[in-house]
Amino acid sequence: MPTYEYLCQACSTTYEERRTFAQADEPSRCPECGSPRVRRQLSTFVAFSPGSSQSVTSGGCACDAGGACACRATPARN
């Protein structure tokens, strides 16, 4: 089940919820203040492939196969 990140527009709390794809955009309530004024956020992630010697970039981060990451304003070029 995917984890989605939400931002409360009332109190600026960021929180995560595990929901099915079908539930991703259904109404949610902030766990901090109870407000229904929340928006789903775009989440960034980094993926690694075991044994790969190539760098992987995602969300402005460049990571090598050994697990070392360096976040930058622009993705690294191979």
N, C-alpha and C. Protein backbone atom coordinates (compact mmCIF):
# COMPACT_ATOMS: atom_id res chain seq x y z
N MET A 1 0.85 -1.17 0.00
CA MET A 1 0.00 0.00 0.00
C MET A 1 0.90 1.23 0.00
N PRO A 2 0.66 2.20 -0.90
CA PRO A 2 1.50 3.40 -0.97
C PRO A 2 1.32 4.32 0.23
N THR A 3 2.35 5.09 0.50
CA THR A 3 2.32 6.11 1.54
C THR A 3 2.25 7.47 0.85
N TYR A 4 1.31 8.30 1.24
CA TYR A 4 1.13 9.62 0.65
C TYR A 4 1.44 10.68 1.69
N GLU A 5 1.99 11.80 1.24
CA GLU A 5 2.34 12.91 2.12
C GLU A 5 1.30 14.01 1.93
N TYR A 6 0.83 14.56 3.03
CA TYR A 6 -0.18 15.61 3.01
C TYR A 6 0.30 16.83 3.80
N LEU A 7 -0.20 18.01 3.41
CA LEU A 7 0.11 19.26 4.11
C LEU A 7 -1.19 19.90 4.54
N CYS A 8 -1.30 20.22 5.84
CA CYS A 8 -2.48 20.90 6.37
C CYS A 8 -2.36 22.39 6.06
N GLN A 9 -3.36 22.94 5.41
CA GLN A 9 -3.34 24.36 5.07
C GLN A 9 -3.74 25.24 6.25
N ALA A 10 -4.27 24.64 7.30
CA ALA A 10 -4.67 25.40 8.48
C ALA A 10 -3.51 25.61 9.45
N CYS A 11 -2.71 24.53 9.69
CA CYS A 11 -1.64 24.63 10.70
C CYS A 11 -0.25 24.31 10.16
N SER A 12 -0.14 24.03 8.86
CA SER A 12 1.13 23.74 8.17
C SER A 12 1.79 22.45 8.61
N THR A 13 1.05 21.55 9.22
CA THR A 13 1.59 20.24 9.60
C THR A 13 1.71 19.37 8.35
N THR A 14 2.85 18.69 8.22
CA THR A 14 3.04 17.71 7.15
C THR A 14 2.95 16.34 7.78
N TYR A 15 2.17 15.44 7.16
CA TYR A 15 2.03 14.09 7.71
C TYR A 15 1.86 13.09 6.57
N GLU A 16 2.03 11.83 6.90
CA GLU A 16 1.91 10.76 5.92
C GLU A 16 0.76 9.84 6.28
N GLU A 17 0.14 9.26 5.24
CA GLU A 17 -0.91 8.27 5.43
C GLU A 17 -0.71 7.14 4.44
N ARG A 18 -0.89 5.92 4.90
CA ARG A 18 -0.89 4.76 4.00
C ARG A 18 -2.30 4.58 3.50
N ARG A 19 -2.46 4.65 2.16
CA ARG A 19 -3.77 4.54 1.55
C ARG A 19 -3.64 3.81 0.23
N THR A 20 -4.75 3.24 -0.24
CA THR A 20 -4.76 2.62 -1.56
C THR A 20 -4.71 3.72 -2.61
N PHE A 21 -4.41 3.35 -3.87
CA PHE A 21 -4.40 4.34 -4.95
C PHE A 21 -5.76 5.01 -5.07
N ALA A 22 -6.82 4.24 -4.91
CA ALA A 22 -8.17 4.78 -5.03
C ALA A 22 -8.49 5.79 -3.94
N GLN A 23 -7.87 5.67 -2.77
CA GLN A 23 -8.14 6.57 -1.64
C GLN A 23 -7.23 7.80 -1.62
N ALA A 24 -6.23 7.87 -2.50
CA ALA A 24 -5.21 8.92 -2.44
C ALA A 24 -5.77 10.33 -2.38
N ASP A 25 -6.81 10.62 -3.15
CA ASP A 25 -7.36 11.97 -3.19
C ASP A 25 -8.65 12.14 -2.40
N GLU A 26 -9.04 11.11 -1.64
CA GLU A 26 -10.23 11.24 -0.80
C GLU A 26 -9.92 12.20 0.36
N PRO A 27 -10.95 12.83 0.92
CA PRO A 27 -10.73 13.76 2.03
C PRO A 27 -9.98 13.12 3.19
N SER A 28 -9.14 13.92 3.82
CA SER A 28 -8.37 13.50 4.99
C SER A 28 -8.46 14.61 6.02
N ARG A 29 -8.19 14.29 7.26
CA ARG A 29 -8.17 15.30 8.33
C ARG A 29 -6.79 15.35 8.94
N CYS A 30 -6.32 16.54 9.23
CA CYS A 30 -5.02 16.74 9.86
C CYS A 30 -5.01 16.07 11.24
N PRO A 31 -4.00 15.26 11.51
CA PRO A 31 -3.93 14.61 12.82
C PRO A 31 -3.57 15.59 13.95
N GLU A 32 -3.04 16.75 13.60
CA GLU A 32 -2.64 17.75 14.61
C GLU A 32 -3.81 18.64 15.04
N CYS A 33 -4.51 19.23 14.05
CA CYS A 33 -5.57 20.19 14.39
C CYS A 33 -6.97 19.72 13.99
N GLY A 34 -7.06 18.63 13.21
CA GLY A 34 -8.36 18.10 12.81
C GLY A 34 -8.98 18.78 11.60
N SER A 35 -8.29 19.74 10.99
CA SER A 35 -8.84 20.46 9.86
C SER A 35 -8.95 19.55 8.64
N PRO A 36 -10.02 19.72 7.85
CA PRO A 36 -10.15 18.96 6.61
C PRO A 36 -9.44 19.66 5.44
N ARG A 37 -8.82 20.83 5.69
CA ARG A 37 -8.14 21.59 4.64
C ARG A 37 -6.72 21.07 4.44
N VAL A 38 -6.60 19.91 3.81
CA VAL A 38 -5.29 19.29 3.56
C VAL A 38 -5.12 19.07 2.06
N ARG A 39 -3.87 19.07 1.61
CA ARG A 39 -3.55 18.82 0.21
C ARG A 39 -2.48 17.76 0.12
N ARG A 40 -2.63 16.87 -0.83
CA ARG A 40 -1.61 15.86 -1.05
C ARG A 40 -0.41 16.53 -1.69
N GLN A 41 0.79 16.18 -1.23
CA GLN A 41 2.03 16.76 -1.72
C GLN A 41 2.74 15.81 -2.68
N LEU A 42 3.58 16.35 -3.53
CA LEU A 42 4.43 15.53 -4.37
C LEU A 42 5.60 15.09 -3.53
N SER A 43 5.87 13.82 -3.50
CA SER A 43 6.97 13.28 -2.72
C SER A 43 8.12 12.92 -3.64
N THR A 44 9.35 13.11 -3.14
CA THR A 44 10.52 12.69 -3.90
C THR A 44 11.05 11.40 -3.32
N PHE A 45 11.75 10.65 -4.14
CA PHE A 45 12.31 9.40 -3.67
C PHE A 45 13.57 9.11 -4.45
N VAL A 46 14.36 8.20 -3.94
CA VAL A 46 15.58 7.75 -4.60
C VAL A 46 15.51 6.24 -4.70
N ALA A 47 15.83 5.70 -5.87
CA ALA A 47 15.82 4.26 -6.08
C ALA A 47 17.23 3.76 -6.36
N PHE A 48 17.57 2.62 -5.80
CA PHE A 48 18.87 2.00 -6.02
C PHE A 48 18.66 0.63 -6.64
N SER A 49 19.57 0.25 -7.49
CA SER A 49 19.56 -1.07 -8.10
C SER A 49 20.80 -1.81 -7.63
N PRO A 50 20.66 -2.90 -6.89
CA PRO A 50 21.83 -3.61 -6.38
C PRO A 50 22.76 -4.03 -7.52
N GLY A 51 24.04 -3.80 -7.32
CA GLY A 51 25.05 -4.20 -8.29
C GLY A 51 25.23 -3.22 -9.43
N SER A 52 24.45 -2.17 -9.49
CA SER A 52 24.57 -1.19 -10.56
C SER A 52 25.71 -0.24 -10.26
N SER A 53 26.47 0.13 -11.29
CA SER A 53 27.56 1.08 -11.10
C SER A 53 27.18 2.46 -11.60
N GLN A 54 25.94 2.62 -12.07
CA GLN A 54 25.50 3.91 -12.58
C GLN A 54 24.86 4.73 -11.48
N SER A 55 24.94 6.05 -11.63
CA SER A 55 24.27 6.95 -10.70
C SER A 55 22.79 7.00 -11.02
N VAL A 56 21.97 7.22 -10.01
CA VAL A 56 20.53 7.34 -10.17
C VAL A 56 20.14 8.71 -9.66
N THR A 57 19.31 9.43 -10.41
CA THR A 57 18.88 10.75 -9.95
C THR A 57 17.38 10.77 -9.79
N SER A 58 16.91 11.49 -8.79
CA SER A 58 15.48 11.66 -8.56
C SER A 58 15.28 12.83 -7.63
N GLY A 59 14.40 13.74 -7.97
CA GLY A 59 14.08 14.85 -7.11
C GLY A 59 15.26 15.76 -6.82
N GLY A 60 16.24 15.85 -7.73
CA GLY A 60 17.37 16.72 -7.54
C GLY A 60 18.50 16.09 -6.74
N CYS A 61 18.41 14.80 -6.44
CA CYS A 61 19.47 14.12 -5.71
C CYS A 61 20.19 13.15 -6.64
N ALA A 62 21.50 13.08 -6.50
CA ALA A 62 22.29 12.12 -7.27
C ALA A 62 22.87 11.12 -6.30
N CYS A 63 22.64 9.84 -6.55
CA CYS A 63 23.11 8.81 -5.64
C CYS A 63 23.83 7.73 -6.42
N ASP A 64 24.93 7.22 -5.85
CA ASP A 64 25.63 6.14 -6.53
C ASP A 64 25.19 4.80 -5.98
N ALA A 65 25.64 3.74 -6.61
CA ALA A 65 25.22 2.39 -6.23
C ALA A 65 25.65 2.02 -4.82
N GLY A 66 26.68 2.69 -4.29
CA GLY A 66 27.14 2.42 -2.94
C GLY A 66 26.30 3.07 -1.86
N GLY A 67 25.34 3.91 -2.26
CA GLY A 67 24.45 4.54 -1.29
C GLY A 67 24.82 5.96 -0.92
N ALA A 68 25.89 6.51 -1.52
CA ALA A 68 26.28 7.90 -1.23
C ALA A 68 25.39 8.83 -2.05
N CYS A 69 24.81 9.83 -1.40
CA CYS A 69 23.92 10.77 -2.08
C CYS A 69 24.39 12.20 -1.88
N ALA A 70 24.14 13.01 -2.90
CA ALA A 70 24.43 14.44 -2.82
C ALA A 70 23.26 15.17 -3.47
N CYS A 71 22.48 15.87 -2.68
CA CYS A 71 21.34 16.60 -3.22
C CYS A 71 21.83 17.92 -3.78
N ARG A 72 21.31 18.25 -4.97
CA ARG A 72 21.74 19.45 -5.69
C ARG A 72 20.53 20.14 -6.29
N ALA A 73 20.76 21.38 -6.74
CA ALA A 73 19.69 22.11 -7.41
C ALA A 73 19.37 21.48 -8.76
N THR A 74 20.38 20.91 -9.43
CA THR A 74 20.16 20.22 -10.69
C THR A 74 20.71 18.81 -10.58
N PRO A 75 20.06 17.83 -11.20
CA PRO A 75 20.53 16.45 -11.12
C PRO A 75 21.92 16.29 -11.75
N ALA A 76 22.69 15.35 -11.22
CA ALA A 76 24.03 15.06 -11.73
C ALA A 76 23.91 14.42 -13.11
N ARG A 77 24.91 14.65 -13.93
CA ARG A 77 24.97 14.04 -15.27
C ARG A 77 26.02 12.96 -15.28
N ASN A 78 25.73 11.84 -15.94
CA ASN A 78 26.70 10.73 -16.06
C ASN A 78 27.67 11.01 -17.17
